[in-house]
Amino acid sequence: MATDKSDKWYIYILECADKTLYTGSTNDLDKRLEAHNSGNGAKYTKARLPVKLVYHEEFDDKKEAMKREWYIKHKLSRKQKMELITSK
């Protein structure tokens, strides 16, 4: 039985062409990455294409994913994000 993509939520970190990092969340990782790279993802990434998925985590519900996204965006330094990426 195939799993419905909306059953899971993901937080992700993208590395942009200028080597900056972008953190987001979605219930369809492939579709969201495609949107970012086509210029329809986020204003931030639109000016920094192409982007590459360098990290993601999976969650069973949106609330937990959003909490983790907020934490990564607001509490982790770039160095800590890089350590997270390289630890996987």
C-alpha atoms as a PDB file:
ATOM      1  CA  MET A   1       0.000   0.000   0.000  1.00  0.00           C
ATOM      2  CA  ALA A   2       1.447   3.363  -1.034  1.00  0.00           C
ATOM      3  CA  THR A   3       1.791   6.019   1.629  1.00  0.00           C
ATOM      4  CA  ASP A   4      -0.060   9.245   0.969  1.00  0.00           C
ATOM      5  CA  LYS A   5       2.539  12.035   0.868  1.00  0.00           C
ATOM      6  CA  SER A   6       0.360  14.277   3.038  1.00  0.00           C
ATOM      7  CA  ASP A   7       0.625  11.740   5.898  1.00  0.00           C
ATOM      8  CA  LYS A   8       4.168  12.892   6.643  1.00  0.00           C
ATOM      9  CA  TRP A   9       5.653  16.334   7.153  1.00  0.00           C
ATOM     10  CA  TYR A  10       9.234  17.312   6.547  1.00  0.00           C
ATOM     11  CA  ILE A  11      11.576  20.078   7.519  1.00  0.00           C
ATOM     12  CA  TYR A  12      14.382  20.634   5.074  1.00  0.00           C
ATOM     13  CA  ILE A  13      17.505  22.669   4.574  1.00  0.00           C
ATOM     14  CA  LEU A  14      18.510  23.811   1.126  1.00  0.00           C
ATOM     15  CA  GLU A  15      21.902  25.056   0.071  1.00  0.00           C
ATOM     16  CA  CYS A  16      21.510  27.900  -2.399  1.00  0.00           C
ATOM     17  CA  ALA A  17      23.851  28.675  -5.293  1.00  0.00           C
ATOM     18  CA  ASP A  18      25.471  31.437  -3.202  1.00  0.00           C
ATOM     19  CA  LYS A  19      26.145  28.878  -0.411  1.00  0.00           C
ATOM     20  CA  THR A  20      23.527  30.352   1.933  1.00  0.00           C
ATOM     21  CA  LEU A  21      21.082  28.019   3.680  1.00  0.00           C
ATOM     22  CA  TYR A  22      17.283  28.067   3.554  1.00  0.00           C
ATOM     23  CA  THR A  23      15.074  26.128   5.973  1.00  0.00           C
ATOM     24  CA  GLY A  24      11.457  25.236   5.256  1.00  0.00           C
ATOM     25  CA  SER A  25       8.729  22.653   5.797  1.00  0.00           C
ATOM     26  CA  THR A  26       6.391  20.740   3.511  1.00  0.00           C
ATOM     27  CA  ASN A  27       4.276  17.623   3.201  1.00  0.00           C
ATOM     28  CA  ASP A  28       5.735  16.826  -0.259  1.00  0.00           C
ATOM     29  CA  LEU A  29       9.515  17.143  -0.353  1.00  0.00           C
ATOM     30  CA  ASP A  30       9.994  16.362  -4.055  1.00  0.00           C
ATOM     31  CA  LYS A  31       7.308  18.793  -5.181  1.00  0.00           C
ATOM     32  CA  ARG A  32       8.631  21.538  -2.897  1.00  0.00           C
ATOM     33  CA  LEU A  33      12.207  21.140  -4.139  1.00  0.00           C
ATOM     34  CA  GLU A  34      10.946  21.288  -7.712  1.00  0.00           C
ATOM     35  CA  ALA A  35       8.991  24.475  -6.874  1.00  0.00           C
ATOM     36  CA  HIS A  36      12.067  26.104  -5.360  1.00  0.00           C
ATOM     37  CA  ASN A  37      14.232  25.269  -8.374  1.00  0.00           C
ATOM     38  CA  SER A  38      11.617  26.514 -10.847  1.00  0.00           C
ATOM     39  CA  GLY A  39      11.544  29.892  -9.075  1.00  0.00           C
ATOM     40  CA  ASN A  40       8.150  29.303  -7.435  1.00  0.00           C
ATOM     41  CA  GLY A  41       9.353  28.270  -3.985  1.00  0.00           C
ATOM     42  CA  ALA A  42      10.238  31.266  -1.850  1.00  0.00           C
ATOM     43  CA  LYS A  43      11.347  34.820  -2.528  1.00  0.00           C
ATOM     44  CA  TYR A  44      14.641  34.071  -0.772  1.00  0.00           C
ATOM     45  CA  THR A  45      15.548  31.084  -2.942  1.00  0.00           C
ATOM     46  CA  LYS A  46      14.240  32.594  -6.190  1.00  0.00           C
ATOM     47  CA  ALA A  47      17.244  34.935  -6.348  1.00  0.00           C
ATOM     48  CA  ARG A  48      19.700  32.170  -5.375  1.00  0.00           C
ATOM     49  CA  LEU A  49      19.054  29.340  -7.827  1.00  0.00           C
ATOM     50  CA  PRO A  50      19.731  26.524  -8.164  1.00  0.00           C
ATOM     51  CA  VAL A  51      19.142  25.074  -4.724  1.00  0.00           C
ATOM     52  CA  LYS A  52      20.182  21.657  -3.459  1.00  0.00           C
ATOM     53  CA  LEU A  53      18.539  19.612  -0.715  1.00  0.00           C
ATOM     54  CA  VAL A  54      21.224  18.989   1.915  1.00  0.00           C
ATOM     55  CA  TYR A  55      19.176  17.869   4.933  1.00  0.00           C
ATOM     56  CA  HIS A  56      15.686  16.796   5.941  1.00  0.00           C
ATOM     57  CA  GLU A  57      13.789  15.295   8.869  1.00  0.00           C
ATOM     58  CA  GLU A  58      10.439  13.494   8.780  1.00  0.00           C
ATOM     59  CA  PHE A  59       7.539  14.062  11.191  1.00  0.00           C
ATOM     60  CA  ASP A  60       4.148  12.459  11.737  1.00  0.00           C
ATOM     61  CA  ASP A  61       2.334  15.766  12.100  1.00  0.00           C
ATOM     62  CA  LYS A  62       2.517  19.341  10.879  1.00  0.00           C
ATOM     63  CA  LYS A  63       2.701  20.898  14.344  1.00  0.00           C
ATOM     64  CA  GLU A  64       5.885  19.030  15.258  1.00  0.00           C
ATOM     65  CA  ALA A  65       7.472  19.854  11.903  1.00  0.00           C
ATOM     66  CA  MET A  66       6.649  23.558  12.316  1.00  0.00           C
ATOM     67  CA  LYS A  67       8.138  23.596  15.822  1.00  0.00           C
ATOM     68  CA  ARG A  68      11.356  22.038  14.534  1.00  0.00           C
ATOM     69  CA  GLU A  69      11.498  24.434  11.562  1.00  0.00           C
ATOM     70  CA  TRP A  70      11.151  27.405  13.920  1.00  0.00           C
ATOM     71  CA  TYR A  71      13.891  26.063  16.168  1.00  0.00           C
ATOM     72  CA  ILE A  72      16.326  25.544  13.293  1.00  0.00           C
ATOM     73  CA  LYS A  73      15.594  28.962  11.783  1.00  0.00           C
ATOM     74  CA  HIS A  74      15.731  30.970  15.002  1.00  0.00           C
ATOM     75  CA  LYS A  75      17.951  29.097  17.431  1.00  0.00           C
ATOM     76  CA  LEU A  76      20.700  27.485  15.364  1.00  0.00           C
ATOM     77  CA  SER A  77      23.670  29.410  14.021  1.00  0.00           C
ATOM     78  CA  ARG A  78      24.985  28.700  10.528  1.00  0.00           C
ATOM     79  CA  LYS A  79      27.777  26.666  12.129  1.00  0.00           C
ATOM     80  CA  GLN A  80      25.231  24.574  14.073  1.00  0.00           C
ATOM     81  CA  LYS A  81      23.166  24.048  10.909  1.00  0.00           C
ATOM     82  CA  MET A  82      26.287  22.880   9.062  1.00  0.00           C
ATOM     83  CA  GLU A  83      27.034  20.458  11.910  1.00  0.00           C
ATOM     84  CA  LEU A  84      23.456  19.147  11.672  1.00  0.00           C
ATOM     85  CA  ILE A  85      23.850  18.660   7.900  1.00  0.00           C
ATOM     86  CA  THR A  86      27.179  16.851   8.173  1.00  0.00           C
ATOM     87  CA  SER A  87      26.011  14.639  11.052  1.00  0.00           C
ATOM     88  CA  LYS A  88      23.416  12.776   8.971  1.00  0.00           C
END
